[in-house]
Amino acid sequence: MLGYYVKTEFERDVHRFDVVWWGSERDFRGERHPAAVFEVQRGGSLVEALARLKHALDRWNIYGLYLVVTEEEDVERARRLVEPHLKGSFHELQGRLRIWTAKRVREIRDALAEYRDEVRELSTLRD
């Protein structure tokens, strides 16, 4: 809908990323840097999810780093869970990592779907 080329369960080096967005399929095929990397935290290891995002930062030096937390409905509570890690081993992620709840992702998806035609029209302006 937004015009990104999306890969799920994308593997690179020894890491598997939940969702990766490139500006276009051409960027993906040309092995350019992705625009965004999403890790979905579903009760597994928070440290492992942060390590994958840190690897994405080290490899591609991108600002689009997202941790989607499924077990928390309150984004502030989710931030409080992640914050101690950002002051320690994963301090490089500070200022770049965005923490969203699954509820927020659904709300954004629904809003984009509601205005699908308008979003599509606006996204083609860059072509």
C-alpha atoms as a PDB file:
ATOM      1  CA  MET A   1       0.000   0.000   0.000  1.00  0.00           C
ATOM      2  CA  LEU A   2       2.849   2.402   0.790  1.00  0.00           C
ATOM      3  CA  GLY A   3       4.884   1.213  -2.160  1.00  0.00           C
ATOM      4  CA  TYR A   4       7.652  -0.594  -0.280  1.00  0.00           C
ATOM      5  CA  TYR A   5       9.053  -3.938  -1.333  1.00  0.00           C
ATOM      6  CA  VAL A   6       8.471  -6.172   1.700  1.00  0.00           C
ATOM      7  CA  LYS A   7      10.101  -9.440   2.753  1.00  0.00           C
ATOM      8  CA  THR A   8       8.999 -11.421   5.791  1.00  0.00           C
ATOM      9  CA  GLU A   9      11.246 -13.854   7.638  1.00  0.00           C
ATOM     10  CA  PHE A  10      14.216 -12.387   5.763  1.00  0.00           C
ATOM     11  CA  GLU A  11      17.554 -14.057   6.491  1.00  0.00           C
ATOM     12  CA  ARG A  12      20.884 -12.287   6.201  1.00  0.00           C
ATOM     13  CA  ASP A  13      24.152 -13.524   7.664  1.00  0.00           C
ATOM     14  CA  VAL A  14      23.174 -15.472  10.786  1.00  0.00           C
ATOM     15  CA  HIS A  15      20.090 -13.349  11.536  1.00  0.00           C
ATOM     16  CA  ARG A  16      16.456 -13.729  10.561  1.00  0.00           C
ATOM     17  CA  PHE A  17      14.412 -10.527  10.573  1.00  0.00           C
ATOM     18  CA  ASP A  18      10.635 -10.647  10.964  1.00  0.00           C
ATOM     19  CA  VAL A  19       9.854  -7.961   8.356  1.00  0.00           C
ATOM     20  CA  VAL A  20      12.146  -5.857   6.157  1.00  0.00           C
ATOM     21  CA  TRP A  21      11.091  -3.021   3.840  1.00  0.00           C
ATOM     22  CA  TRP A  22      13.057  -1.757   0.837  1.00  0.00           C
ATOM     23  CA  GLY A  23      12.240   1.306  -1.229  1.00  0.00           C
ATOM     24  CA  SER A  24      11.659  -0.913  -4.251  1.00  0.00           C
ATOM     25  CA  GLU A  25      12.255  -4.421  -5.567  1.00  0.00           C
ATOM     26  CA  ARG A  26      15.163  -2.960  -7.506  1.00  0.00           C
ATOM     27  CA  ASP A  27      16.758  -1.806  -4.230  1.00  0.00           C
ATOM     28  CA  PHE A  28      16.294  -5.299  -2.817  1.00  0.00           C
ATOM     29  CA  ARG A  29      17.756  -7.025  -5.881  1.00  0.00           C
ATOM     30  CA  GLY A  30      20.651  -4.553  -5.948  1.00  0.00           C
ATOM     31  CA  GLU A  31      21.352  -5.338  -2.295  1.00  0.00           C
ATOM     32  CA  ARG A  32      20.828  -1.755  -1.198  1.00  0.00           C
ATOM     33  CA  HIS A  33      20.068  -0.822   2.368  1.00  0.00           C
ATOM     34  CA  PRO A  34      16.502  -1.457   3.463  1.00  0.00           C
ATOM     35  CA  ALA A  35      14.318   1.416   4.605  1.00  0.00           C
ATOM     36  CA  ALA A  36      13.066  -0.350   7.732  1.00  0.00           C
ATOM     37  CA  VAL A  37      13.426  -3.495   9.819  1.00  0.00           C
ATOM     38  CA  PHE A  38      10.657  -4.732  12.120  1.00  0.00           C
ATOM     39  CA  GLU A  39      11.027  -7.265  14.905  1.00  0.00           C
ATOM     40  CA  VAL A  40       7.788  -8.603  16.378  1.00  0.00           C
ATOM     41  CA  GLN A  41       8.142  -9.551  20.029  1.00  0.00           C
ATOM     42  CA  ARG A  42       5.690 -12.379  20.803  1.00  0.00           C
ATOM     43  CA  GLY A  43       6.894 -13.554  24.174  1.00  0.00           C
ATOM     44  CA  GLY A  44      10.301 -14.752  23.018  1.00  0.00           C
ATOM     45  CA  SER A  45      13.537 -13.220  24.150  1.00  0.00           C
ATOM     46  CA  LEU A  46      13.505  -9.426  24.166  1.00  0.00           C
ATOM     47  CA  VAL A  47      17.308  -9.450  24.175  1.00  0.00           C
ATOM     48  CA  GLU A  48      17.390 -11.569  20.993  1.00  0.00           C
ATOM     49  CA  ALA A  49      14.974  -9.193  19.244  1.00  0.00           C
ATOM     50  CA  LEU A  50      17.113  -6.211  20.260  1.00  0.00           C
ATOM     51  CA  ALA A  51      20.248  -8.069  19.072  1.00  0.00           C
ATOM     52  CA  ARG A  52      18.685  -8.560  15.626  1.00  0.00           C
ATOM     53  CA  LEU A  53      17.791  -4.864  15.440  1.00  0.00           C
ATOM     54  CA  LYS A  54      21.312  -3.941  16.570  1.00  0.00           C
ATOM     55  CA  HIS A  55      22.692  -6.157  13.809  1.00  0.00           C
ATOM     56  CA  ALA A  56      20.466  -4.355  11.278  1.00  0.00           C
ATOM     57  CA  LEU A  57      21.826  -1.038  12.539  1.00  0.00           C
ATOM     58  CA  ASP A  58      25.439  -2.252  12.324  1.00  0.00           C
ATOM     59  CA  ARG A  59      24.970  -3.754   8.867  1.00  0.00           C
ATOM     60  CA  TRP A  60      22.858  -1.079   7.192  1.00  0.00           C
ATOM     61  CA  ASN A  61      23.063   2.038   9.439  1.00  0.00           C
ATOM     62  CA  ILE A  62      19.338   2.719   9.044  1.00  0.00           C
ATOM     63  CA  TYR A  63      16.935   4.769  11.123  1.00  0.00           C
ATOM     64  CA  GLY A  64      13.851   2.624  10.438  1.00  0.00           C
ATOM     65  CA  LEU A  65      14.164   0.200  13.357  1.00  0.00           C
ATOM     66  CA  TYR A  66      10.887  -1.001  14.891  1.00  0.00           C
ATOM     67  CA  LEU A  67      10.123  -3.292  17.791  1.00  0.00           C
ATOM     68  CA  VAL A  68       6.481  -4.371  17.779  1.00  0.00           C
ATOM     69  CA  VAL A  69       5.434  -5.655  21.183  1.00  0.00           C
ATOM     70  CA  THR A  70       2.408  -7.955  21.096  1.00  0.00           C
ATOM     71  CA  GLU A  71       1.949  -8.617  24.807  1.00  0.00           C
ATOM     72  CA  GLU A  72       1.588  -4.993  25.874  1.00  0.00           C
ATOM     73  CA  GLU A  73      -1.294  -2.734  24.956  1.00  0.00           C
ATOM     74  CA  ASP A  74       0.326   0.333  26.510  1.00  0.00           C
ATOM     75  CA  VAL A  75       3.308   1.669  24.557  1.00  0.00           C
ATOM     76  CA  GLU A  76       4.704   3.474  27.628  1.00  0.00           C
ATOM     77  CA  ARG A  77       4.755   0.227  29.584  1.00  0.00           C
ATOM     78  CA  ALA A  78       6.491  -1.470  26.652  1.00  0.00           C
ATOM     79  CA  ARG A  79       9.078   1.329  26.581  1.00  0.00           C
ATOM     80  CA  ARG A  80       9.750   0.845  30.287  1.00  0.00           C
ATOM     81  CA  LEU A  81      10.489  -2.841  29.633  1.00  0.00           C
ATOM     82  CA  VAL A  82      12.955  -2.015  26.845  1.00  0.00           C
ATOM     83  CA  GLU A  83      14.557   1.114  28.340  1.00  0.00           C
ATOM     84  CA  PRO A  84      17.069  -0.616  30.664  1.00  0.00           C
ATOM     85  CA  HIS A  85      18.510  -2.500  27.684  1.00  0.00           C
ATOM     86  CA  LEU A  86      18.908   0.752  25.728  1.00  0.00           C
ATOM     87  CA  LYS A  87      21.040   2.166  28.517  1.00  0.00           C
ATOM     88  CA  GLY A  88      23.300  -0.872  28.483  1.00  0.00           C
ATOM     89  CA  SER A  89      24.293  -3.309  25.760  1.00  0.00           C
ATOM     90  CA  PHE A  90      22.027  -1.783  23.127  1.00  0.00           C
ATOM     91  CA  HIS A  91      22.731   1.907  23.727  1.00  0.00           C
ATOM     92  CA  GLU A  92      23.377   2.433  19.989  1.00  0.00           C
ATOM     93  CA  LEU A  93      19.672   1.817  19.347  1.00  0.00           C
ATOM     94  CA  GLN A  94      18.671   4.762  21.519  1.00  0.00           C
ATOM     95  CA  GLY A  95      17.117   7.505  19.426  1.00  0.00           C
ATOM     96  CA  ARG A  96      16.638   5.150  16.461  1.00  0.00           C
ATOM     97  CA  LEU A  97      14.422   2.392  17.828  1.00  0.00           C
ATOM     98  CA  ARG A  98      10.676   2.941  17.685  1.00  0.00           C
ATOM     99  CA  ILE A  99       8.509   0.820  19.937  1.00  0.00           C
ATOM    100  CA  TRP A 100       4.978   0.112  18.802  1.00  0.00           C
ATOM    101  CA  THR A 101       2.297  -2.117  20.206  1.00  0.00           C
ATOM    102  CA  ALA A 102       0.453  -4.595  17.999  1.00  0.00           C
ATOM    103  CA  LYS A 103      -2.674  -2.536  18.682  1.00  0.00           C
ATOM    104  CA  ARG A 104      -1.007   0.553  17.187  1.00  0.00           C
ATOM    105  CA  VAL A 105       0.068  -1.411  14.101  1.00  0.00           C
ATOM    106  CA  ARG A 106      -3.549  -2.533  13.594  1.00  0.00           C
ATOM    107  CA  GLU A 107      -4.782   1.058  13.990  1.00  0.00           C
ATOM    108  CA  ILE A 108      -2.278   2.327  11.412  1.00  0.00           C
ATOM    109  CA  ARG A 109      -3.158  -0.516   9.013  1.00  0.00           C
ATOM    110  CA  ASP A 110      -6.872   0.236   9.374  1.00  0.00           C
ATOM    111  CA  ALA A 111      -6.372   3.973   8.831  1.00  0.00           C
ATOM    112  CA  LEU A 112      -4.277   3.330   5.718  1.00  0.00           C
ATOM    113  CA  ALA A 113      -6.879   0.891   4.413  1.00  0.00           C
ATOM    114  CA  GLU A 114      -9.630   3.452   4.947  1.00  0.00           C
ATOM    115  CA  TYR A 115      -7.749   5.957   2.783  1.00  0.00           C
ATOM    116  CA  ARG A 116      -6.172   3.395   0.437  1.00  0.00           C
ATOM    117  CA  ASP A 117      -6.878   5.279  -2.796  1.00  0.00           C
ATOM    118  CA  GLU A 118      -5.614   8.577  -1.433  1.00  0.00           C
ATOM    119  CA  VAL A 119      -2.470   6.959  -0.023  1.00  0.00           C
ATOM    120  CA  ARG A 120      -1.788   5.210  -3.331  1.00  0.00           C
ATOM    121  CA  GLU A 121      -2.212   8.480  -5.212  1.00  0.00           C
ATOM    122  CA  LEU A 122       0.134  10.356  -2.877  1.00  0.00           C
ATOM    123  CA  SER A 123       2.745   7.572  -2.917  1.00  0.00           C
ATOM    124  CA  THR A 124       3.026   7.726  -6.715  1.00  0.00           C
ATOM    125  CA  LEU A 125       4.088  11.373  -6.615  1.00  0.00           C
ATOM    126  CA  ARG A 126       7.682  10.303  -5.958  1.00  0.00           C
ATOM    127  CA  ASP A 127       7.876   8.268  -9.195  1.00  0.00           C
END
